[in-house]
Amino acid sequence: MLSLSLLGLLAFVVASNAASQSQSVLSPNVPRYGREKQNVRTGTTPYDDGLFTPMEHLGVLSETQFTTLQHPFFPKHSVRIKKSAFCDDTVNSYTGYIDIEARHLFFYFFESRNDPAKDDVIFWTNGGPGCSSSLGLFMELGPCRALTANGTTFHPESWNSNANIFFVDQPIGVGFSYADYGEFVSTTDEAAKDIAAFVSIFFEHFTQFKGRAFHMAGESYGGRYIPEFASHVYDQNVELVEAGLTPINLTSVMIGNGMTDYFTMWPSYVDMQCSPASVFPFQSISSCVRMKQAIPRCQKWTKESCVDTFDAMNCQAARDFCDQELQEPFFDTGKNPYDISKDCEGDIGDTLCYPVTKFISQYLDQVDVRETLGVDPSVGNFSSCSGPVGSAFTAALDIYHETYTHVAQLLERDVRALIYVGDYDWICNWVGNERWTLNLEWSGKEDFVAQELRDWEVDGKSAGKTRSASGLTFATIHGAGHMVPYDKPQEALQLVNRWLAGGDL
């Protein structure tokens, strides 16, 4: 979720690491690069495929120790991975770490319940910034849920029903991810480079997935992450091809209740409180009048200081003004910012308004669970969201570097985009998300804007509204909040399965 104090958004992943000894795929010596090919990334060391032997198949991995994956094209990155039997005994599951020198990102990987040898691959991250994808795994779309004190239960509407799927704890410091010497990243751009390298190392080693359609998905602050992550993967493909490697078949991005354009999101905070955009207006008339009066000043100041030019000090001042005028009145109502049909349950800083998140933490702090996952012993108690990571991104004003322009460029390169939104969410609501998709400048804009919103259905009943043209699809999900797969698991799975199949909703 967007963590509220930081305008956080939901994100989800879950963990792993362990095994003190690791078996290396390569020789103990760091491979030397050949001289036949020029590495376009450094201009010096070329890649020689004679120095690389792929693992080829996940089936060779051990359940008791990590296997280390390396690749000469990514000398600063490696991947530790092991088979980890948990959560869903109908499929193979794996956990591990993406190692970037002294920084380590935790991930889960679940094979498809349908046909893992042929089905697409999905990458999933939650938002925050600073929230763990364990929320997405154990609360929303994963193969099992941990919503009671009794541990995990099988989840029939998991997104691995027809796809292989990753859940990644990123950036450093989130969930089970850690750094040896306190290193951290504070911008999406920094995080994107590590994710792009990990994706390539995985596909290069496990050739069973080469050429498979790859979809990058995320929620909340994932609206900032995913467009940039996918852009790095796409641009890195050029370098891979030049080096004689196989490019990633980046097929689409999927953004759920995303914070992709803060400039259109702020005014929509007023719409969600003061008009029947989703529920009957619940804000006082006096507050609505004041917020309406503040919008022009908020937009003018933000446009001048954050959009047209980026002046960090003035942008911060504009942000403080807009937050005070357009957000604070909402929190005075006691409503759940992730679902305005409900009041917040518990202390939002402790439960995110969802007390069930405490069961996820309890499960992930069990010693036997951590041993199974391979969580590094240096990692402390599990926390759904990291305050220090969120604070670092906030201090860097990362949210004010919009990513809708990345979406436009991906669309121009035939990478499809699904923007889906639960219509009860306030923090990253459907009104603001529809606005940026309609305002988006790209070659398909005229066709997209010309489409009227129409119903899309599940089992003969309206599940929401949608508009689609030229590879861009916008969809709402009726009765869902910020975490669509949690509130409406059947509708969410139908949405994803239809998207993966390439058809209309």
Foldseek 3Di string as FASTA:
>chain_A
DQQVVLLKWWKAFAFFAAAPDEAEPAPPDQDAADDPAAQPVPRDGAHDCVRDDFQAAPVVFAQQHWYKFDGPSQSQWIKTKHWFPDLDNLWTKMKTWIGRPQWTKIKIKTAASPDSLAFAEEEEIEINVFFYNNCCQQQFAHQWHQQDLPGIDGDPLHLSNGYIYMGIQDDAPHFLIHGPPPDGDQALLVGLVSLLVVVQSVCVRHVSCAPGEYEYEYFACVLVNVLNNVLNLVVVQVSQVSSVHGRHNHAAYEYELYLQDVLLQLVVLLVLQQHPLFHHRDADPVLSVQLVVCSVVLNVQCCVDQNPDPDPVSNVVSVVSSCVNRPPSVVVVQALLQFRVGGQDDDCVQAVSPVSVVSSQVNSPDPVNRSSRNRDPVDDRGDRGDPVNSVSNSSVVNSSPHSLVSVQVCLVVNRAYEYEYEQRHNSSHLSSVVVCLQVRDHPCNVVQVPFDWDFDDDPPDGQWTWTDDSRYIYTYGYPGGSRRSNRPSVVVSVVVVCVSVVHDD
